[in-house]
């Protein structure tokens, strides 16, 4: 299943790229499930991000590895894949892209996931969409022109 969400922000793509750090990652975490960040190496190839998701009745580990990163005069991007995922997710690939725009830049969250069952993928789609739509006002607030 695929999910793609774009957010226009006021700062240039290089300033946004500079702001993609551990502090931003924590701000982007939604209220549920509660996220505890265990490790954040960064956004470059080979880096790892590890967290614990607290679903109240149970906790799940999530570990992603950055498998690629790319930079040009017009964009930055990095891709993470899940290497240790919650039991209900079999595949996770998240492409983070920051593109220069006429005024500011655009942050694109491009996600591919699979639970192994099409019905479950469809069931989780609105939940994942809400998780990533939660990021839009955070991005806009953090990357507002000074």
C-alpha atoms as a PDB file:
ATOM      1  CA  UNK A   1       0.000   0.000   0.000  1.00  0.00           C
ATOM      2  CA  UNK A   2       1.261   3.505  -0.780  1.00  0.00           C
ATOM      3  CA  UNK A   3       0.719   6.792   1.032  1.00  0.00           C
ATOM      4  CA  UNK A   4       2.113  10.159  -0.056  1.00  0.00           C
ATOM      5  CA  UNK A   5       1.719  13.447   1.800  1.00  0.00           C
ATOM      6  CA  UNK A   6       3.257  16.780   0.766  1.00  0.00           C
ATOM      7  CA  UNK A   7       3.667  19.847   2.947  1.00  0.00           C
ATOM      8  CA  UNK A   8       4.709  23.292   1.692  1.00  0.00           C
ATOM      9  CA  UNK A   9       6.876  25.225   4.154  1.00  0.00           C
ATOM     10  CA  UNK A  10       8.365  28.715   4.082  1.00  0.00           C
ATOM     11  CA  UNK A  11      12.072  27.926   4.465  1.00  0.00           C
ATOM     12  CA  UNK A  12      14.472  26.880   1.706  1.00  0.00           C
ATOM     13  CA  UNK A  13      15.205  23.209   1.155  1.00  0.00           C
ATOM     14  CA  UNK A  14      18.730  23.518   2.557  1.00  0.00           C
ATOM     15  CA  UNK A  15      17.457  25.094   5.805  1.00  0.00           C
ATOM     16  CA  UNK A  16      14.786  22.397   6.088  1.00  0.00           C
ATOM     17  CA  UNK A  17      17.418  19.713   5.503  1.00  0.00           C
ATOM     18  CA  UNK A  18      19.538  21.225   8.287  1.00  0.00           C
ATOM     19  CA  UNK A  19      16.477  20.945  10.566  1.00  0.00           C
ATOM     20  CA  UNK A  20      15.950  17.221   9.965  1.00  0.00           C
ATOM     21  CA  UNK A  21      17.430  16.092  13.258  1.00  0.00           C
ATOM     22  CA  UNK A  22      16.591  14.270  16.482  1.00  0.00           C
ATOM     23  CA  UNK A  23      14.754  17.292  17.906  1.00  0.00           C
ATOM     24  CA  UNK A  24      12.420  17.424  14.862  1.00  0.00           C
ATOM     25  CA  UNK A  25      11.886  13.657  14.984  1.00  0.00           C
ATOM     26  CA  UNK A  26      10.634  13.935  18.565  1.00  0.00           C
ATOM     27  CA  UNK A  27       8.290  16.815  17.645  1.00  0.00           C
ATOM     28  CA  UNK A  28       6.843  14.768  14.771  1.00  0.00           C
ATOM     29  CA  UNK A  29       5.834  11.901  17.056  1.00  0.00           C
ATOM     30  CA  UNK A  30       2.039  11.745  17.346  1.00  0.00           C
ATOM     31  CA  UNK A  31       0.237  11.549  20.692  1.00  0.00           C
ATOM     32  CA  UNK A  32      -0.657   7.892  20.063  1.00  0.00           C
ATOM     33  CA  UNK A  33       1.026   5.569  20.166  1.00  0.00           C
ATOM     34  CA  UNK A  34       3.469   7.171  22.593  1.00  0.00           C
ATOM     35  CA  UNK A  35       6.961   7.012  21.116  1.00  0.00           C
ATOM     36  CA  UNK A  36      10.202   6.632  23.066  1.00  0.00           C
ATOM     37  CA  UNK A  37      13.254   7.358  20.944  1.00  0.00           C
ATOM     38  CA  UNK A  38      16.027   4.864  21.737  1.00  0.00           C
ATOM     39  CA  UNK A  39      18.545   5.755  19.015  1.00  0.00           C
ATOM     40  CA  UNK A  40      18.843   8.418  16.332  1.00  0.00           C
ATOM     41  CA  UNK A  41      22.037   8.344  14.264  1.00  0.00           C
ATOM     42  CA  UNK A  42      20.825  10.793  11.615  1.00  0.00           C
ATOM     43  CA  UNK A  43      19.558  10.789   8.033  1.00  0.00           C
ATOM     44  CA  UNK A  44      22.545   9.479   6.091  1.00  0.00           C
ATOM     45  CA  UNK A  45      23.076   6.073   4.501  1.00  0.00           C
ATOM     46  CA  UNK A  46      23.861   3.502   7.185  1.00  0.00           C
ATOM     47  CA  UNK A  47      22.264   5.477  10.037  1.00  0.00           C
ATOM     48  CA  UNK A  48      19.751   3.794  12.341  1.00  0.00           C
ATOM     49  CA  UNK A  49      16.638   5.052  14.114  1.00  0.00           C
ATOM     50  CA  UNK A  50      15.229   2.884  16.921  1.00  0.00           C
ATOM     51  CA  UNK A  51      12.128   3.520  18.975  1.00  0.00           C
ATOM     52  CA  UNK A  52       9.561   1.895  21.206  1.00  0.00           C
ATOM     53  CA  UNK A  53       5.854   2.335  20.474  1.00  0.00           C
ATOM     54  CA  UNK A  54       3.631   2.184  23.554  1.00  0.00           C
ATOM     55  CA  UNK A  55       0.124   0.994  22.656  1.00  0.00           C
ATOM     56  CA  UNK A  56      -0.898   1.024  26.371  1.00  0.00           C
ATOM     57  CA  UNK A  57      -1.636  -2.721  26.493  1.00  0.00           C
ATOM     58  CA  UNK A  58       1.617  -3.677  24.754  1.00  0.00           C
ATOM     59  CA  UNK A  59       4.854  -2.188  23.430  1.00  0.00           C
ATOM     60  CA  UNK A  60       6.509  -2.770  20.071  1.00  0.00           C
ATOM     61  CA  UNK A  61      10.022  -2.053  18.859  1.00  0.00           C
ATOM     62  CA  UNK A  62      10.636  -0.258  15.559  1.00  0.00           C
ATOM     63  CA  UNK A  63      14.076  -0.063  13.998  1.00  0.00           C
ATOM     64  CA  UNK A  64      14.699   1.552  10.634  1.00  0.00           C
ATOM     65  CA  UNK A  65      17.891   1.764   8.639  1.00  0.00           C
ATOM     66  CA  UNK A  66      18.701   4.573   6.207  1.00  0.00           C
ATOM     67  CA  UNK A  67      19.479   2.790   2.942  1.00  0.00           C
ATOM     68  CA  UNK A  68      20.145   5.823   0.743  1.00  0.00           C
ATOM     69  CA  UNK A  69      20.526   9.575   0.786  1.00  0.00           C
ATOM     70  CA  UNK A  70      20.876  12.057  -2.044  1.00  0.00           C
ATOM     71  CA  UNK A  71      21.467  15.782  -2.373  1.00  0.00           C
ATOM     72  CA  UNK A  72      21.372  18.220  -5.275  1.00  0.00           C
ATOM     73  CA  UNK A  73      20.864  21.940  -5.784  1.00  0.00           C
ATOM     74  CA  UNK A  74      17.092  21.421  -5.913  1.00  0.00           C
ATOM     75  CA  UNK A  75      16.379  18.638  -3.400  1.00  0.00           C
ATOM     76  CA  UNK A  76      17.481  16.404  -0.552  1.00  0.00           C
ATOM     77  CA  UNK A  77      16.142  12.968   0.183  1.00  0.00           C
ATOM     78  CA  UNK A  78      16.765   9.890   2.255  1.00  0.00           C
ATOM     79  CA  UNK A  79      15.052   6.521   2.408  1.00  0.00           C
ATOM     80  CA  UNK A  80      14.560   4.363   5.474  1.00  0.00           C
ATOM     81  CA  UNK A  81      13.375   0.780   5.591  1.00  0.00           C
ATOM     82  CA  UNK A  82      12.055  -1.105   8.585  1.00  0.00           C
ATOM     83  CA  UNK A  83      14.424  -3.818   9.798  1.00  0.00           C
ATOM     84  CA  UNK A  84      12.587  -4.593  13.053  1.00  0.00           C
ATOM     85  CA  UNK A  85       8.909  -3.705  12.836  1.00  0.00           C
ATOM     86  CA  UNK A  86       5.785  -4.124  14.987  1.00  0.00           C
ATOM     87  CA  UNK A  87       4.284  -7.585  14.513  1.00  0.00           C
ATOM     88  CA  UNK A  88       1.477  -6.300  12.294  1.00  0.00           C
ATOM     89  CA  UNK A  89       3.777  -4.677   9.685  1.00  0.00           C
ATOM     90  CA  UNK A  90       5.788  -6.889   7.334  1.00  0.00           C
ATOM     91  CA  UNK A  91       7.339  -4.216   5.088  1.00  0.00           C
ATOM     92  CA  UNK A  92       8.052  -0.494   5.527  1.00  0.00           C
ATOM     93  CA  UNK A  93       9.829   1.917   3.181  1.00  0.00           C
ATOM     94  CA  UNK A  94       9.697   5.674   3.772  1.00  0.00           C
ATOM     95  CA  UNK A  95      11.164   8.122   1.285  1.00  0.00           C
ATOM     96  CA  UNK A  96      11.670  11.582   2.787  1.00  0.00           C
ATOM     97  CA  UNK A  97      12.133  14.244   0.113  1.00  0.00           C
ATOM     98  CA  UNK A  98      12.664  17.996   0.445  1.00  0.00           C
ATOM     99  CA  UNK A  99      12.260  19.910  -2.817  1.00  0.00           C
ATOM    100  CA  UNK A 100      13.015  23.547  -3.458  1.00  0.00           C
ATOM    101  CA  UNK A 101       9.857  25.445  -4.459  1.00  0.00           C
ATOM    102  CA  UNK A 102       9.191  28.957  -5.760  1.00  0.00           C
ATOM    103  CA  UNK A 103       8.580  30.174  -2.223  1.00  0.00           C
ATOM    104  CA  UNK A 104      10.193  27.938   0.367  1.00  0.00           C
ATOM    105  CA  UNK A 105      10.182  24.196  -0.140  1.00  0.00           C
ATOM    106  CA  UNK A 106       7.995  21.095  -0.095  1.00  0.00           C
ATOM    107  CA  UNK A 107       8.478  18.173   2.300  1.00  0.00           C
ATOM    108  CA  UNK A 108       7.225  14.890   0.873  1.00  0.00           C
ATOM    109  CA  UNK A 109       6.580  11.793   2.967  1.00  0.00           C
ATOM    110  CA  UNK A 110       6.298   8.911   0.496  1.00  0.00           C
ATOM    111  CA  UNK A 111       5.514   5.637   2.288  1.00  0.00           C
ATOM    112  CA  UNK A 112       5.147   2.049   1.106  1.00  0.00           C
ATOM    113  CA  UNK A 113       4.025  -0.568   3.610  1.00  0.00           C
ATOM    114  CA  UNK A 114       2.559  -4.035   3.793  1.00  0.00           C
ATOM    115  CA  UNK A 115       1.026  -6.124   6.537  1.00  0.00           C
ATOM    116  CA  UNK A 116       0.937  -9.171   4.319  1.00  0.00           C
ATOM    117  CA  UNK A 117      -2.846  -8.924   3.929  1.00  0.00           C
ATOM    118  CA  UNK A 118      -4.528  -6.464   1.561  1.00  0.00           C
ATOM    119  CA  UNK A 119      -7.551  -6.092   3.897  1.00  0.00           C
ATOM    120  CA  UNK A 120      -5.287  -5.137   6.815  1.00  0.00           C
ATOM    121  CA  UNK A 121      -3.315  -2.737   4.588  1.00  0.00           C
ATOM    122  CA  UNK A 122      -6.579  -0.989   3.711  1.00  0.00           C
ATOM    123  CA  UNK A 123      -7.720  -0.984   7.347  1.00  0.00           C
ATOM    124  CA  UNK A 124      -4.436   0.646   8.491  1.00  0.00           C
ATOM    125  CA  UNK A 125      -4.337   3.216   5.682  1.00  0.00           C
ATOM    126  CA  UNK A 126      -6.456   5.890   7.459  1.00  0.00           C
ATOM    127  CA  UNK A 127      -4.489   5.346  10.679  1.00  0.00           C
ATOM    128  CA  UNK A 128      -1.146   5.819   8.916  1.00  0.00           C
ATOM    129  CA  UNK A 129      -2.572   8.795   6.995  1.00  0.00           C
ATOM    130  CA  UNK A 130      -3.559  10.456  10.288  1.00  0.00           C
ATOM    131  CA  UNK A 131      -0.103   9.777  11.735  1.00  0.00           C
ATOM    132  CA  UNK A 132       1.529  11.579   8.813  1.00  0.00           C
ATOM    133  CA  UNK A 133      -1.077  14.332   8.492  1.00  0.00           C
ATOM    134  CA  UNK A 134      -0.188  15.121  12.125  1.00  0.00           C
ATOM    135  CA  UNK A 135       3.237  16.175  10.807  1.00  0.00           C
ATOM    136  CA  UNK A 136       1.916  18.924   8.502  1.00  0.00           C
ATOM    137  CA  UNK A 137       1.315  21.629  11.151  1.00  0.00           C
ATOM    138  CA  UNK A 138       4.538  20.637  12.921  1.00  0.00           C
ATOM    139  CA  UNK A 139       6.526  21.069   9.707  1.00  0.00           C
ATOM    140  CA  UNK A 140       4.808  24.395   9.016  1.00  0.00           C
ATOM    141  CA  UNK A 141       5.515  25.678  12.543  1.00  0.00           C
ATOM    142  CA  UNK A 142       9.132  24.486  12.686  1.00  0.00           C
ATOM    143  CA  UNK A 143      10.010  25.686   9.173  1.00  0.00           C
ATOM    144  CA  UNK A 144       8.205  29.030   9.311  1.00  0.00           C
ATOM    145  CA  UNK A 145      10.205  31.941   7.926  1.00  0.00           C
ATOM    146  CA  UNK A 146      11.873  33.844  10.766  1.00  0.00           C
END
